[in-house]
Amino acid sequence: MPNPRTAEHQDQCQPANAQTSVTLTRADLPLHCPQPGTALWSSHPRVFIPIEDAPDKRMICPYCGTEYVLRD
């Protein structure tokens, strides 16, 4: 049964994959997806993404398609 109070908190909810491109720095490594703050209902198994090894410092999560960009 859905929570009848969900409508009262719409400002606290965001759709799954609301942000499909994430820019991060070396301080954010090691990179894993989903990131902290992702809604539990929309998450997938945690996967570590070796973005520092990518030649163009860009990688895409194989589960949700979120693009990660590493800026130095």
N, C-alpha and C. Protein backbone atom coordinates (compact mmCIF):
# COMPACT_ATOMS: atom_id res chain seq x y z
N MET A 1 0.84 -1.18 0.00
CA MET A 1 0.00 0.00 0.00
C MET A 1 0.89 1.24 0.00
N PRO A 2 0.60 2.21 -0.88
CA PRO A 2 1.42 3.42 -0.91
C PRO A 2 1.28 4.22 0.37
N ASN A 3 2.31 4.97 0.66
CA ASN A 3 2.29 5.84 1.83
C ASN A 3 1.37 7.02 1.54
N PRO A 4 0.32 7.20 2.33
CA PRO A 4 -0.61 8.31 2.05
C PRO A 4 0.00 9.68 2.29
N ARG A 5 1.13 9.77 2.96
CA ARG A 5 1.76 11.07 3.24
C ARG A 5 2.83 11.46 2.22
N THR A 6 3.02 10.64 1.20
CA THR A 6 4.03 10.94 0.19
C THR A 6 3.78 12.29 -0.47
N ALA A 7 2.54 12.59 -0.78
CA ALA A 7 2.22 13.85 -1.45
C ALA A 7 2.59 15.07 -0.62
N GLU A 8 2.70 14.91 0.70
CA GLU A 8 3.05 16.02 1.56
C GLU A 8 4.53 16.37 1.50
N HIS A 9 5.34 15.50 0.89
CA HIS A 9 6.80 15.68 0.89
C HIS A 9 7.38 15.65 -0.53
N GLN A 10 6.67 16.17 -1.49
CA GLN A 10 7.14 16.15 -2.87
C GLN A 10 8.46 16.89 -3.06
N ASP A 11 8.72 17.89 -2.23
CA ASP A 11 9.97 18.65 -2.36
C ASP A 11 11.18 17.84 -1.92
N GLN A 12 10.98 16.72 -1.25
CA GLN A 12 12.08 15.88 -0.78
C GLN A 12 12.34 14.71 -1.71
N CYS A 13 11.55 14.56 -2.74
CA CYS A 13 11.69 13.43 -3.67
C CYS A 13 12.23 13.93 -5.00
N GLN A 14 13.03 13.10 -5.63
CA GLN A 14 13.49 13.41 -6.97
C GLN A 14 13.39 12.15 -7.80
N PRO A 15 13.17 12.29 -9.09
CA PRO A 15 13.02 11.10 -9.93
C PRO A 15 14.33 10.34 -10.05
N ALA A 16 14.23 9.08 -10.38
CA ALA A 16 15.42 8.26 -10.58
C ALA A 16 16.26 8.86 -11.70
N ASN A 17 17.57 8.84 -11.53
CA ASN A 17 18.50 9.38 -12.52
C ASN A 17 18.19 10.82 -12.89
N ALA A 18 17.84 11.62 -11.89
CA ALA A 18 17.53 13.03 -12.14
C ALA A 18 18.74 13.74 -12.73
N GLN A 19 19.92 13.32 -12.35
CA GLN A 19 21.14 13.90 -12.88
C GLN A 19 21.87 12.80 -13.63
N THR A 20 21.98 12.93 -14.95
CA THR A 20 22.59 11.86 -15.73
C THR A 20 24.05 12.12 -16.05
N SER A 21 24.58 13.27 -15.65
CA SER A 21 25.99 13.57 -15.83
C SER A 21 26.53 14.14 -14.52
N VAL A 22 27.60 13.55 -14.02
CA VAL A 22 28.18 13.96 -12.74
C VAL A 22 29.65 14.29 -12.96
N THR A 23 30.06 15.49 -12.55
CA THR A 23 31.45 15.90 -12.62
C THR A 23 32.05 15.75 -11.23
N LEU A 24 33.22 15.13 -11.16
CA LEU A 24 33.87 14.93 -9.86
C LEU A 24 35.36 15.19 -9.95
N THR A 25 36.00 15.26 -8.78
CA THR A 25 37.44 15.50 -8.70
C THR A 25 38.11 14.28 -8.06
N ARG A 26 39.42 14.31 -8.02
CA ARG A 26 40.16 13.19 -7.41
C ARG A 26 39.82 13.00 -5.94
N ALA A 27 39.37 14.05 -5.28
CA ALA A 27 38.96 13.94 -3.88
C ALA A 27 37.72 13.05 -3.73
N ASP A 28 36.96 12.87 -4.81
CA ASP A 28 35.75 12.05 -4.77
C ASP A 28 36.02 10.57 -5.05
N LEU A 29 37.26 10.23 -5.35
CA LEU A 29 37.61 8.83 -5.66
C LEU A 29 37.78 8.01 -4.40
N PRO A 30 37.55 6.72 -4.39
CA PRO A 30 37.16 5.90 -5.54
C PRO A 30 35.70 6.14 -5.90
N LEU A 31 35.43 6.10 -7.18
CA LEU A 31 34.09 6.35 -7.71
C LEU A 31 33.26 5.08 -7.63
N HIS A 32 32.06 5.24 -7.13
CA HIS A 32 31.11 4.13 -7.18
C HIS A 32 29.74 4.68 -7.52
N CYS A 33 28.93 3.84 -8.08
CA CYS A 33 27.57 4.20 -8.44
C CYS A 33 26.67 3.10 -7.90
N PRO A 34 25.56 3.43 -7.29
CA PRO A 34 24.98 4.74 -7.11
C PRO A 34 25.73 5.57 -6.08
N GLN A 35 25.60 6.88 -6.22
CA GLN A 35 26.24 7.83 -5.33
C GLN A 35 25.43 7.98 -4.05
N PRO A 36 26.06 8.49 -2.98
CA PRO A 36 25.31 8.77 -1.76
C PRO A 36 24.16 9.74 -2.06
N GLY A 37 23.05 9.51 -1.42
CA GLY A 37 21.90 10.36 -1.64
C GLY A 37 20.93 9.84 -2.68
N THR A 38 21.30 8.78 -3.39
CA THR A 38 20.39 8.19 -4.35
C THR A 38 19.25 7.51 -3.60
N ALA A 39 18.05 7.70 -4.08
CA ALA A 39 16.89 7.09 -3.44
C ALA A 39 17.04 5.57 -3.45
N LEU A 40 16.75 4.96 -2.32
CA LEU A 40 16.90 3.51 -2.20
C LEU A 40 16.08 2.76 -3.23
N TRP A 41 14.88 3.23 -3.53
CA TRP A 41 14.02 2.50 -4.46
C TRP A 41 14.56 2.52 -5.88
N SER A 42 15.40 3.48 -6.21
CA SER A 42 15.89 3.57 -7.58
C SER A 42 17.35 3.15 -7.71
N SER A 43 17.93 2.61 -6.64
CA SER A 43 19.34 2.26 -6.71
C SER A 43 19.53 0.88 -7.33
N HIS A 44 20.77 0.58 -7.64
CA HIS A 44 21.15 -0.71 -8.21
C HIS A 44 22.34 -1.21 -7.41
N PRO A 45 22.82 -2.42 -7.66
CA PRO A 45 23.99 -2.89 -6.91
C PRO A 45 25.16 -1.92 -7.08
N ARG A 46 25.92 -1.72 -6.00
CA ARG A 46 27.06 -0.80 -6.06
C ARG A 46 28.12 -1.37 -6.98
N VAL A 47 28.59 -0.54 -7.87
CA VAL A 47 29.65 -0.91 -8.80
C VAL A 47 30.72 0.17 -8.72
N PHE A 48 31.97 -0.26 -8.59
CA PHE A 48 33.09 0.69 -8.58
C PHE A 48 33.53 0.91 -10.01
N ILE A 49 33.74 2.18 -10.36
CA ILE A 49 34.05 2.57 -11.74
C ILE A 49 35.46 3.14 -11.77
N PRO A 50 36.39 2.49 -12.49
CA PRO A 50 37.79 2.95 -12.53
C PRO A 50 38.00 4.12 -13.49
N ILE A 51 37.39 5.23 -13.20
CA ILE A 51 37.42 6.39 -14.09
C ILE A 51 38.83 6.95 -14.26
N GLU A 52 39.68 6.80 -13.24
CA GLU A 52 41.04 7.34 -13.35
C GLU A 52 41.86 6.62 -14.41
N ASP A 53 41.44 5.43 -14.83
CA ASP A 53 42.14 4.67 -15.87
C ASP A 53 41.64 4.98 -17.28
N ALA A 54 40.53 5.68 -17.39
CA ALA A 54 39.94 5.99 -18.69
C ALA A 54 40.77 7.06 -19.39
N PRO A 55 41.08 6.88 -20.67
CA PRO A 55 41.92 7.87 -21.38
C PRO A 55 41.31 9.26 -21.42
N ASP A 56 39.99 9.36 -21.56
CA ASP A 56 39.36 10.68 -21.63
C ASP A 56 38.73 11.10 -20.31
N LYS A 57 38.95 10.28 -19.24
CA LYS A 57 38.45 10.57 -17.89
C LYS A 57 36.92 10.66 -17.87
N ARG A 58 36.27 9.86 -18.70
CA ARG A 58 34.82 9.76 -18.73
C ARG A 58 34.44 8.29 -18.71
N MET A 59 33.43 7.97 -17.93
CA MET A 59 32.91 6.60 -17.92
C MET A 59 31.41 6.65 -17.68
N ILE A 60 30.74 5.59 -18.11
CA ILE A 60 29.29 5.49 -17.95
C ILE A 60 28.98 4.27 -17.09
N CYS A 61 28.09 4.45 -16.13
CA CYS A 61 27.68 3.34 -15.26
C CYS A 61 26.97 2.29 -16.11
N PRO A 62 27.38 1.03 -16.01
CA PRO A 62 26.74 -0.01 -16.82
C PRO A 62 25.31 -0.33 -16.38
N TYR A 63 24.92 0.08 -15.19
CA TYR A 63 23.57 -0.20 -14.71
C TYR A 63 22.57 0.89 -15.08
N CYS A 64 22.90 2.14 -14.76
CA CYS A 64 21.90 3.21 -14.91
C CYS A 64 22.21 4.20 -16.02
N GLY A 65 23.42 4.15 -16.58
CA GLY A 65 23.77 5.04 -17.68
C GLY A 65 24.24 6.42 -17.27
N THR A 66 24.42 6.65 -15.98
CA THR A 66 24.93 7.95 -15.53
C THR A 66 26.35 8.13 -16.04
N GLU A 67 26.62 9.29 -16.62
CA GLU A 67 27.96 9.59 -17.12
C GLU A 67 28.74 10.30 -16.03
N TYR A 68 29.95 9.85 -15.80
CA TYR A 68 30.84 10.47 -14.82
C TYR A 68 32.02 11.07 -15.56
N VAL A 69 32.39 12.29 -15.16
CA VAL A 69 33.51 13.02 -15.78
C VAL A 69 34.46 13.41 -14.66
N LEU A 70 35.73 13.06 -14.80
CA LEU A 70 36.75 13.39 -13.80
C LEU A 70 37.48 14.65 -14.24
N ARG A 71 37.42 15.68 -13.40
CA ARG A 71 38.14 16.94 -13.67
C ARG A 71 39.32 17.04 -12.72
N ASP A 72 40.47 17.37 -13.26
CA ASP A 72 41.68 17.53 -12.42
C ASP A 72 41.79 18.93 -11.90
